């Protein structure tokens, strides 16, 4: 049986999510399959501006808009490593294709391009990612930890981070606060 892949979906933390790392978080899933899942939390700033990140990796960053851009807390796995979600996908050394148009790149060449003013049209940079082992995410979804909905790139790249969670909720077409966290299974 073909398992359902939730790549290019949002994971929306249920209002009752107890884990403080993930409470009120919106995750953009980059990869999901039999070996597990990985994604980026896209609505929690890390407290680091792009200027600081680029200083740390010794790349100049002159564009003022980019310098003041936010670096996100992508999740608790590899929090010292940068992950760049971008559109268009482009051609970089180490990229995971999420869709035909969106990629997640971990190689420094994409940051070098940003530094030189040749950045991808849309990008979101995070430190760390959220990861699930095989079957773990499916279990968390079955236990009512997450709601899922197909992702809209405008929410990822165009909205201010504080509006993304509610915008993703709105894609569901109902008010999740009306959901009980202890749903019975018929």
N, C-alpha and C. Protein backbone atom coordinates (compact mmCIF):
# COMPACT_ATOMS: atom_id res chain seq x y z
N UNK A 1 0.84 -1.20 0.00
CA UNK A 1 0.00 0.00 0.00
C UNK A 1 0.88 1.25 0.00
N UNK A 2 0.60 2.15 -0.88
CA UNK A 2 1.36 3.40 -0.97
C UNK A 2 1.02 4.26 0.25
N UNK A 3 2.05 4.71 0.97
CA UNK A 3 1.75 5.56 2.13
C UNK A 3 1.60 7.00 1.67
N UNK A 4 0.77 7.72 2.37
CA UNK A 4 0.49 9.10 2.02
C UNK A 4 1.67 9.98 2.40
N UNK A 5 2.19 10.72 1.46
CA UNK A 5 3.28 11.64 1.79
C UNK A 5 2.72 13.02 2.07
N UNK A 6 3.20 13.58 3.14
CA UNK A 6 2.74 14.93 3.52
C UNK A 6 3.78 15.99 3.16
N UNK A 7 4.71 15.67 2.24
CA UNK A 7 5.64 16.71 1.78
C UNK A 7 4.83 17.87 1.23
N UNK A 8 5.34 19.08 1.42
CA UNK A 8 4.68 20.31 0.98
C UNK A 8 3.29 20.45 1.64
N UNK A 9 3.21 20.00 2.89
CA UNK A 9 2.02 20.23 3.72
C UNK A 9 2.44 21.03 4.95
N UNK A 10 1.47 21.68 5.54
CA UNK A 10 1.69 22.30 6.84
C UNK A 10 1.28 21.31 7.92
N UNK A 11 2.06 21.28 8.99
CA UNK A 11 1.64 20.63 10.23
C UNK A 11 1.30 21.77 11.17
N UNK A 12 0.08 21.76 11.65
CA UNK A 12 -0.37 22.83 12.54
C UNK A 12 -0.52 22.22 13.92
N UNK A 13 0.23 22.74 14.89
CA UNK A 13 0.14 22.20 16.25
C UNK A 13 -1.28 22.39 16.78
N UNK A 14 -1.85 21.31 17.30
CA UNK A 14 -3.18 21.41 17.90
C UNK A 14 -3.11 22.36 19.09
N UNK A 15 -4.22 23.07 19.36
CA UNK A 15 -4.22 24.01 20.48
C UNK A 15 -3.76 23.38 21.80
N UNK A 16 -3.96 22.08 21.97
CA UNK A 16 -3.56 21.44 23.21
C UNK A 16 -2.13 20.90 23.25
N UNK A 17 -1.32 21.20 22.23
CA UNK A 17 0.05 20.66 22.15
C UNK A 17 0.83 20.99 23.42
N UNK A 18 1.29 19.95 24.11
CA UNK A 18 1.95 20.16 25.41
C UNK A 18 3.44 20.51 25.27
N UNK A 19 4.09 19.99 24.24
CA UNK A 19 5.53 20.22 24.07
C UNK A 19 5.79 21.70 23.80
N UNK A 20 6.50 22.39 24.73
CA UNK A 20 6.69 23.84 24.57
C UNK A 20 7.47 24.21 23.30
N UNK A 21 8.31 23.30 22.81
CA UNK A 21 9.04 23.58 21.57
C UNK A 21 8.08 23.72 20.40
N UNK A 22 6.98 22.96 20.44
CA UNK A 22 6.09 22.91 19.29
C UNK A 22 4.74 23.58 19.51
N UNK A 23 4.46 24.04 20.73
CA UNK A 23 3.18 24.70 20.99
C UNK A 23 3.00 25.88 20.04
N UNK A 24 1.81 26.00 19.46
CA UNK A 24 1.47 27.09 18.54
C UNK A 24 2.42 27.16 17.35
N UNK A 25 3.03 26.02 16.99
CA UNK A 25 3.97 26.09 15.88
C UNK A 25 3.32 25.66 14.57
N UNK A 26 3.87 26.21 13.50
CA UNK A 26 3.47 25.85 12.15
C UNK A 26 4.72 25.28 11.48
N UNK A 27 4.62 24.02 11.05
CA UNK A 27 5.76 23.34 10.43
C UNK A 27 5.47 23.18 8.94
N UNK A 28 6.45 23.53 8.13
CA UNK A 28 6.37 23.25 6.70
C UNK A 28 7.14 21.95 6.48
N UNK A 29 6.42 20.90 6.04
CA UNK A 29 7.05 19.60 5.86
C UNK A 29 7.78 19.54 4.52
N UNK A 30 9.08 19.26 4.58
CA UNK A 30 9.91 19.21 3.38
C UNK A 30 10.03 17.79 2.85
N UNK A 31 9.94 16.83 3.73
CA UNK A 31 10.11 15.45 3.31
C UNK A 31 9.31 14.56 4.25
N UNK A 32 8.65 13.55 3.68
CA UNK A 32 7.88 12.62 4.48
C UNK A 32 7.77 11.31 3.71
N UNK A 33 8.19 10.25 4.36
CA UNK A 33 8.14 8.95 3.71
C UNK A 33 8.33 7.84 4.72
N UNK A 34 8.65 6.67 4.22
CA UNK A 34 8.72 5.51 5.12
C UNK A 34 9.85 5.62 6.13
N UNK A 35 10.84 6.47 5.85
CA UNK A 35 11.97 6.60 6.79
C UNK A 35 11.74 7.69 7.82
N UNK A 36 10.62 8.39 7.72
CA UNK A 36 10.34 9.45 8.67
C UNK A 36 10.00 10.75 7.97
N UNK A 37 10.12 11.83 8.71
CA UNK A 37 9.73 13.12 8.16
C UNK A 37 10.67 14.21 8.67
N UNK A 38 10.78 15.28 7.88
CA UNK A 38 11.53 16.45 8.35
C UNK A 38 10.88 17.71 7.80
N UNK A 39 10.93 18.76 8.62
CA UNK A 39 10.35 20.03 8.20
C UNK A 39 10.93 21.15 9.02
N UNK A 40 10.47 22.35 8.72
CA UNK A 40 10.94 23.55 9.41
C UNK A 40 9.77 24.23 10.09
N UNK A 41 9.99 24.63 11.35
CA UNK A 41 9.02 25.51 12.01
C UNK A 41 9.20 26.88 11.36
N UNK A 42 8.12 27.43 10.83
CA UNK A 42 8.27 28.67 10.05
C UNK A 42 7.65 29.89 10.74
N UNK A 43 7.28 29.74 12.02
CA UNK A 43 6.68 30.90 12.68
C UNK A 43 7.34 31.23 14.02
N UNK A 44 8.58 30.79 14.21
CA UNK A 44 9.30 31.10 15.46
C UNK A 44 10.68 31.67 15.14
N UNK A 45 10.82 33.00 15.27
CA UNK A 45 12.14 33.60 15.03
C UNK A 45 13.15 33.09 16.05
N UNK A 46 14.40 32.96 15.61
CA UNK A 46 15.46 32.45 16.49
C UNK A 46 16.01 33.55 17.39
N UNK A 47 15.69 34.80 17.06
CA UNK A 47 16.31 35.91 17.80
C UNK A 47 17.59 36.39 17.13
N UNK A 48 17.96 35.74 16.04
CA UNK A 48 19.17 36.12 15.30
C UNK A 48 18.74 36.76 13.99
N UNK A 49 19.37 37.89 13.66
CA UNK A 49 19.10 38.53 12.37
C UNK A 49 20.06 37.93 11.34
N UNK A 50 19.69 38.06 10.07
CA UNK A 50 20.53 37.54 8.99
C UNK A 50 21.94 38.12 9.08
N UNK A 51 22.06 39.40 9.45
CA UNK A 51 23.37 40.04 9.52
C UNK A 51 24.30 39.26 10.46
N UNK A 52 23.78 38.82 11.62
CA UNK A 52 24.59 38.06 12.58
C UNK A 52 25.01 36.72 12.01
N UNK A 53 24.05 36.05 11.35
CA UNK A 53 24.34 34.74 10.76
C UNK A 53 25.45 34.86 9.71
N UNK A 54 25.34 35.86 8.86
CA UNK A 54 26.33 36.02 7.79
C UNK A 54 27.69 36.43 8.35
N UNK A 55 27.70 37.21 9.44
CA UNK A 55 28.96 37.54 10.12
C UNK A 55 29.63 36.25 10.62
N UNK A 56 28.82 35.36 11.19
CA UNK A 56 29.36 34.12 11.75
C UNK A 56 30.00 33.24 10.69
N UNK A 57 29.49 33.29 9.48
CA UNK A 57 30.05 32.43 8.42
C UNK A 57 30.95 33.23 7.47
N UNK A 58 31.33 34.44 7.93
CA UNK A 58 32.28 35.27 7.19
C UNK A 58 31.86 35.58 5.77
N UNK A 59 30.59 35.90 5.60
CA UNK A 59 30.12 36.36 4.29
C UNK A 59 29.60 37.79 4.45
N UNK A 60 29.97 38.69 3.54
CA UNK A 60 29.43 40.04 3.62
C UNK A 60 27.95 40.05 3.22
N UNK A 61 27.23 40.94 3.82
CA UNK A 61 25.81 41.06 3.48
C UNK A 61 25.47 42.54 3.48
N UNK A 62 25.38 43.13 2.30
CA UNK A 62 25.22 44.58 2.21
C UNK A 62 23.78 45.03 2.06
N UNK A 63 22.94 44.17 1.51
CA UNK A 63 21.56 44.56 1.27
C UNK A 63 20.83 44.74 2.60
N UNK A 64 20.38 45.97 2.88
CA UNK A 64 19.82 46.28 4.19
C UNK A 64 18.57 45.45 4.50
N UNK A 65 17.71 45.25 3.50
CA UNK A 65 16.50 44.45 3.73
C UNK A 65 16.87 43.03 4.15
N UNK A 66 17.87 42.47 3.49
CA UNK A 66 18.29 41.12 3.82
C UNK A 66 18.97 41.08 5.19
N UNK A 67 19.80 42.10 5.48
CA UNK A 67 20.53 42.13 6.76
C UNK A 67 19.57 42.06 7.95
N UNK A 68 18.44 42.75 7.84
CA UNK A 68 17.52 42.81 8.98
C UNK A 68 16.52 41.65 8.96
N UNK A 69 16.60 40.80 7.91
CA UNK A 69 15.69 39.66 7.84
C UNK A 69 15.88 38.72 9.02
N UNK A 70 14.84 37.97 9.33
CA UNK A 70 14.89 37.07 10.47
C UNK A 70 15.43 35.70 10.10
N UNK A 71 16.16 35.12 11.02
CA UNK A 71 16.53 33.71 10.92
C UNK A 71 15.60 32.98 11.88
N UNK A 72 15.03 31.88 11.43
CA UNK A 72 14.01 31.18 12.22
C UNK A 72 14.60 30.03 13.02
N UNK A 73 13.90 29.67 14.10
CA UNK A 73 14.19 28.44 14.84
C UNK A 73 13.44 27.35 14.11
N UNK A 74 14.16 26.55 13.31
CA UNK A 74 13.50 25.56 12.47
C UNK A 74 13.12 24.29 13.21
N UNK A 75 13.74 24.08 14.37
CA UNK A 75 13.44 22.89 15.15
C UNK A 75 14.66 22.48 15.96
N UNK A 76 14.48 21.47 16.81
CA UNK A 76 15.53 21.10 17.76
C UNK A 76 16.67 20.24 17.21
N UNK A 77 16.56 19.77 15.96
CA UNK A 77 17.61 18.92 15.40
C UNK A 77 18.64 19.78 14.66
N UNK A 78 19.91 19.57 14.94
CA UNK A 78 21.02 20.33 14.33
C UNK A 78 20.80 21.85 14.40
N UNK A 79 20.60 22.37 15.61
CA UNK A 79 20.27 23.81 15.75
C UNK A 79 21.42 24.75 15.40
N UNK A 80 22.62 24.20 15.18
CA UNK A 80 23.76 25.05 14.81
C UNK A 80 23.95 25.06 13.30
N UNK A 81 23.03 24.43 12.57
CA UNK A 81 23.19 24.32 11.12
C UNK A 81 22.10 25.09 10.40
N UNK A 82 22.48 25.76 9.32
CA UNK A 82 21.52 26.55 8.56
C UNK A 82 20.79 25.74 7.51
N UNK A 83 19.50 26.01 7.37
CA UNK A 83 18.66 25.38 6.36
C UNK A 83 17.96 26.49 5.60
N UNK A 84 18.07 26.48 4.29
CA UNK A 84 17.50 27.54 3.47
C UNK A 84 16.38 26.96 2.62
N UNK A 85 15.17 27.41 2.90
CA UNK A 85 14.01 27.03 2.10
C UNK A 85 13.82 28.13 1.07
N UNK A 86 13.76 27.76 -0.20
CA UNK A 86 13.71 28.82 -1.21
C UNK A 86 12.95 28.42 -2.45
N UNK A 87 12.53 29.46 -3.17
CA UNK A 87 11.81 29.34 -4.43
C UNK A 87 12.35 30.44 -5.34
N UNK A 88 12.72 30.22 -6.58
CA UNK A 88 12.76 28.92 -7.28
C UNK A 88 13.83 28.00 -6.71
N UNK A 89 13.78 26.73 -7.13
CA UNK A 89 14.68 25.72 -6.59
C UNK A 89 16.14 25.99 -6.93
N UNK A 90 16.41 26.44 -8.15
CA UNK A 90 17.80 26.74 -8.53
C UNK A 90 18.66 25.49 -8.60
N UNK A 91 19.97 25.70 -8.60
CA UNK A 91 20.90 24.60 -8.76
C UNK A 91 22.03 24.77 -7.76
N UNK A 92 21.92 24.11 -6.61
CA UNK A 92 22.89 24.27 -5.53
C UNK A 92 23.52 22.91 -5.23
N UNK A 93 24.62 22.93 -4.47
CA UNK A 93 25.35 21.69 -4.21
C UNK A 93 24.51 20.66 -3.46
N UNK A 94 23.79 21.10 -2.45
CA UNK A 94 23.08 20.12 -1.62
C UNK A 94 21.66 20.58 -1.35
N UNK A 95 20.74 20.14 -2.22
CA UNK A 95 19.34 20.55 -2.09
C UNK A 95 18.43 19.34 -2.08
N UNK A 96 17.37 19.48 -1.31
CA UNK A 96 16.28 18.52 -1.32
C UNK A 96 15.13 19.19 -2.06
N UNK A 97 14.68 18.56 -3.14
CA UNK A 97 13.56 19.13 -3.89
C UNK A 97 12.26 18.81 -3.14
N UNK A 98 11.54 19.86 -2.74
CA UNK A 98 10.27 19.65 -2.05
C UNK A 98 9.15 19.59 -3.08
N UNK A 99 9.17 20.55 -4.02
CA UNK A 99 8.25 20.54 -5.16
C UNK A 99 9.12 20.84 -6.38
N UNK A 100 8.50 20.98 -7.55
CA UNK A 100 9.28 21.33 -8.74
C UNK A 100 9.92 22.71 -8.60
N UNK A 101 9.37 23.51 -7.71
CA UNK A 101 9.76 24.91 -7.63
C UNK A 101 10.40 25.30 -6.30
N UNK A 102 10.29 24.45 -5.30
CA UNK A 102 10.77 24.78 -3.95
C UNK A 102 11.80 23.75 -3.52
N UNK A 103 12.91 24.24 -2.95
CA UNK A 103 13.95 23.34 -2.46
C UNK A 103 14.40 23.77 -1.07
N UNK A 104 14.97 22.80 -0.37
CA UNK A 104 15.60 23.05 0.92
C UNK A 104 17.08 22.79 0.72
N UNK A 105 17.90 23.83 0.90
CA UNK A 105 19.33 23.72 0.62
C UNK A 105 20.12 23.87 1.92
N UNK A 106 21.12 22.99 2.06
CA UNK A 106 21.96 23.03 3.26
C UNK A 106 23.40 23.42 2.94
N UNK A 107 23.73 23.57 1.66
CA UNK A 107 25.11 23.92 1.31
C UNK A 107 25.31 25.44 1.37
N UNK A 108 26.56 25.82 1.62
CA UNK A 108 26.87 27.24 1.82
C UNK A 108 26.78 28.06 0.54
N UNK A 109 26.76 27.39 -0.63
CA UNK A 109 26.75 28.15 -1.89
C UNK A 109 25.51 29.03 -2.03
N UNK A 110 24.38 28.59 -1.48
CA UNK A 110 23.18 29.42 -1.59
C UNK A 110 23.32 30.68 -0.73
N UNK A 111 23.99 30.56 0.42
CA UNK A 111 24.23 31.73 1.27
C UNK A 111 25.24 32.67 0.62
N UNK A 112 26.22 32.09 -0.06
CA UNK A 112 27.19 32.92 -0.79
C UNK A 112 26.47 33.73 -1.87
N UNK A 113 25.51 33.11 -2.54
CA UNK A 113 24.74 33.82 -3.57
C UNK A 113 23.93 34.96 -2.95
N UNK A 114 23.33 34.70 -1.78
CA UNK A 114 22.58 35.75 -1.08
C UNK A 114 23.53 36.90 -0.76
N UNK A 115 24.71 36.57 -0.29
CA UNK A 115 25.71 37.58 0.07
C UNK A 115 26.10 38.43 -1.14
N UNK A 116 26.11 37.81 -2.32
CA UNK A 116 26.49 38.53 -3.54
C UNK A 116 25.31 39.22 -4.21
N UNK A 117 24.14 39.14 -3.58
CA UNK A 117 22.97 39.80 -4.14
C UNK A 117 22.24 38.97 -5.19
N UNK A 118 22.61 37.69 -5.31
CA UNK A 118 21.94 36.80 -6.27
C UNK A 118 21.03 35.81 -5.57
N UNK A 119 20.31 36.30 -4.59
CA UNK A 119 19.51 35.36 -3.79
C UNK A 119 18.29 34.87 -4.56
N UNK A 120 17.80 33.67 -4.17
CA UNK A 120 16.55 33.19 -4.77
C UNK A 120 15.44 34.21 -4.50
N UNK A 121 14.46 34.22 -5.37
CA UNK A 121 13.37 35.19 -5.27
C UNK A 121 12.73 35.19 -3.88
N UNK A 122 12.49 34.00 -3.35
CA UNK A 122 11.87 33.85 -2.03
C UNK A 122 12.78 32.97 -1.19
N UNK A 123 13.02 33.36 0.06
CA UNK A 123 13.77 32.45 0.90
C UNK A 123 13.44 32.62 2.37
N UNK A 124 13.63 31.54 3.10
CA UNK A 124 13.44 31.52 4.54
C UNK A 124 14.60 30.71 5.09
N UNK A 125 15.34 31.32 6.03
CA UNK A 125 16.51 30.64 6.59
C UNK A 125 16.21 30.24 8.03
N UNK A 126 16.51 29.00 8.35
CA UNK A 126 16.31 28.56 9.72
C UNK A 126 17.57 27.89 10.25
N UNK A 127 17.67 27.89 11.57
CA UNK A 127 18.69 27.11 12.24
C UNK A 127 17.99 25.90 12.83
N UNK A 128 18.45 24.72 12.43
CA UNK A 128 17.83 23.50 12.93
C UNK A 128 16.59 23.13 12.15
N UNK A 129 16.12 21.91 12.41
CA UNK A 129 14.89 21.45 11.78
C UNK A 129 14.14 20.53 12.73
N UNK A 130 12.93 20.21 12.36
CA UNK A 130 12.12 19.27 13.14
C UNK A 130 12.15 17.93 12.41
N UNK A 131 12.42 16.87 13.14
CA UNK A 131 12.51 15.56 12.51
C UNK A 131 11.71 14.52 13.26
N UNK A 132 11.22 13.55 12.53
CA UNK A 132 10.45 12.44 13.10
C UNK A 132 10.99 11.15 12.54
N UNK A 133 11.13 10.13 13.37
CA UNK A 133 11.57 8.82 12.88
C UNK A 133 10.41 8.13 12.18
N UNK A 134 10.69 7.01 11.55
CA UNK A 134 9.68 6.28 10.78
C UNK A 134 8.45 6.01 11.65
N UNK A 135 7.29 6.41 11.16
CA UNK A 135 6.03 6.15 11.86
C UNK A 135 5.71 7.10 13.00
N UNK A 136 6.68 7.89 13.45
CA UNK A 136 6.47 8.76 14.61
C UNK A 136 5.46 9.87 14.31
N UNK A 137 5.60 10.52 13.16
CA UNK A 137 4.68 11.60 12.82
C UNK A 137 3.26 11.06 12.65
N UNK A 138 3.14 9.92 11.97
CA UNK A 138 1.81 9.32 11.79
C UNK A 138 1.15 9.07 13.14
N UNK A 139 1.94 8.60 14.12
CA UNK A 139 1.40 8.35 15.45
C UNK A 139 0.96 9.66 16.11
N UNK A 140 1.79 10.71 16.00
CA UNK A 140 1.44 12.00 16.60
C UNK A 140 0.17 12.58 15.97
N UNK A 141 0.01 12.38 14.66
CA UNK A 141 -1.20 12.86 13.99
C UNK A 141 -2.40 12.05 14.46
N UNK A 142 -2.23 10.73 14.57
CA UNK A 142 -3.33 9.87 15.04
C UNK A 142 -3.72 10.21 16.47
N UNK A 143 -2.74 10.66 17.26
CA UNK A 143 -2.99 11.05 18.66
C UNK A 143 -3.47 12.50 18.77
N UNK A 144 -3.88 13.08 17.65
CA UNK A 144 -4.41 14.45 17.63
C UNK A 144 -3.40 15.51 18.06
N UNK A 145 -2.12 15.28 17.74
CA UNK A 145 -1.11 16.29 18.04
C UNK A 145 -1.02 17.37 16.97
N UNK A 146 -1.35 16.98 15.74
CA UNK A 146 -1.18 17.89 14.60
C UNK A 146 -2.38 17.84 13.68
N UNK A 147 -2.67 18.97 13.07
CA UNK A 147 -3.58 19.03 11.94
C UNK A 147 -2.71 19.17 10.70
N UNK A 148 -3.16 18.65 9.57
CA UNK A 148 -2.38 18.77 8.34
C UNK A 148 -3.24 19.40 7.26
N UNK A 149 -2.59 20.18 6.42
CA UNK A 149 -3.28 20.81 5.30
C UNK A 149 -2.24 21.08 4.21
N UNK A 150 -2.60 20.93 2.94
CA UNK A 150 -1.64 21.25 1.87
C UNK A 150 -1.11 22.68 2.04
N UNK A 151 0.19 22.83 1.85
CA UNK A 151 0.84 24.12 2.10
C UNK A 151 0.52 25.13 1.00
N UNK A 152 0.50 26.38 1.38
CA UNK A 152 0.44 27.49 0.42
C UNK A 152 1.71 28.30 0.58
N UNK A 153 2.45 28.41 -0.52
CA UNK A 153 3.75 29.08 -0.42
C UNK A 153 3.63 30.54 -0.02
N UNK A 154 2.51 31.19 -0.33
CA UNK A 154 2.37 32.60 0.06
C UNK A 154 2.42 32.75 1.58
N UNK A 155 1.92 31.75 2.30
CA UNK A 155 1.96 31.80 3.77
C UNK A 155 3.41 31.68 4.25
N UNK A 156 4.18 30.80 3.59
CA UNK A 156 5.57 30.59 3.98
C UNK A 156 6.41 31.85 3.74
N UNK A 157 6.28 32.42 2.55
CA UNK A 157 7.22 33.46 2.14
C UNK A 157 6.71 34.89 2.25
N UNK A 158 5.40 35.09 2.18
CA UNK A 158 4.88 36.46 2.07
C UNK A 158 4.32 37.04 3.37
N UNK A 159 3.80 36.18 4.24
CA UNK A 159 3.16 36.70 5.45
C UNK A 159 4.17 36.92 6.56
N UNK A 160 3.95 37.94 7.41
CA UNK A 160 4.77 38.08 8.62
C UNK A 160 4.61 36.82 9.48
N UNK A 161 5.68 36.44 10.17
CA UNK A 161 5.67 35.16 10.89
C UNK A 161 4.52 35.04 11.88
N UNK A 162 4.12 36.16 12.50
CA UNK A 162 3.08 36.07 13.53
C UNK A 162 1.69 35.83 12.94
N UNK A 163 1.55 35.93 11.62
CA UNK A 163 0.25 35.68 10.99
C UNK A 163 0.16 34.29 10.35
N UNK A 164 1.29 33.58 10.29
CA UNK A 164 1.32 32.32 9.52
C UNK A 164 0.48 31.22 10.14
N UNK A 165 0.51 31.07 11.47
CA UNK A 165 -0.23 29.99 12.13
C UNK A 165 -1.73 30.14 11.86
N UNK A 166 -2.25 31.34 12.08
CA UNK A 166 -3.68 31.57 11.87
C UNK A 166 -4.07 31.42 10.39
N UNK A 167 -3.18 31.86 9.50
CA UNK A 167 -3.46 31.73 8.06
C UNK A 167 -3.53 30.26 7.66
N UNK A 168 -2.63 29.44 8.21
CA UNK A 168 -2.67 28.01 7.91
C UNK A 168 -3.93 27.38 8.50
N UNK A 169 -4.30 27.80 9.71
CA UNK A 169 -5.55 27.32 10.32
C UNK A 169 -6.74 27.64 9.42
N UNK A 170 -6.73 28.84 8.85
CA UNK A 170 -7.85 29.28 8.00
C UNK A 170 -8.00 28.38 6.77
N UNK A 171 -6.88 27.78 6.31
CA UNK A 171 -6.95 26.86 5.16
C UNK A 171 -7.82 25.64 5.46
N UNK A 172 -7.95 25.32 6.74
CA UNK A 172 -8.74 24.15 7.12
C UNK A 172 -10.24 24.38 6.93
N UNK A 173 -10.65 25.65 6.97
CA UNK A 173 -12.06 25.96 6.73
C UNK A 173 -12.96 25.79 7.93
N UNK A 174 -12.38 25.61 9.12
CA UNK A 174 -13.20 25.56 10.33
C UNK A 174 -12.37 26.08 11.49
N UNK A 175 -13.00 26.28 12.62
CA UNK A 175 -12.31 26.83 13.78
C UNK A 175 -11.81 25.69 14.66
N UNK A 176 -10.48 25.44 14.65
CA UNK A 176 -9.95 24.30 15.40
C UNK A 176 -10.12 24.43 16.91
N UNK A 177 -10.36 25.64 17.41
CA UNK A 177 -10.55 25.76 18.86
C UNK A 177 -11.82 25.04 19.30
N UNK A 178 -12.68 24.73 18.32
CA UNK A 178 -13.90 23.97 18.64
C UNK A 178 -13.62 22.47 18.77
N UNK A 179 -12.41 22.06 18.37
CA UNK A 179 -12.09 20.63 18.44
C UNK A 179 -11.78 20.24 19.87
N UNK A 180 -12.24 19.06 20.24
CA UNK A 180 -11.86 18.50 21.52
C UNK A 180 -10.54 17.78 21.33
N UNK A 181 -9.65 17.89 22.32
CA UNK A 181 -8.37 17.20 22.16
C UNK A 181 -8.49 15.72 22.48
N UNK A 182 -9.60 15.31 23.10
CA UNK A 182 -9.78 13.88 23.37
C UNK A 182 -10.90 13.32 22.50
N UNK A 183 -10.65 13.35 21.20
CA UNK A 183 -11.63 12.87 20.24
C UNK A 183 -11.71 11.35 20.34
N UNK A 184 -12.93 10.83 20.38
CA UNK A 184 -13.09 9.37 20.39
C UNK A 184 -12.99 8.84 18.98
N UNK A 185 -12.59 7.61 18.85
CA UNK A 185 -12.52 6.98 17.53
C UNK A 185 -13.64 5.97 17.40
N UNK A 186 -14.50 6.16 16.41
CA UNK A 186 -15.67 5.29 16.25
C UNK A 186 -15.22 3.94 15.70
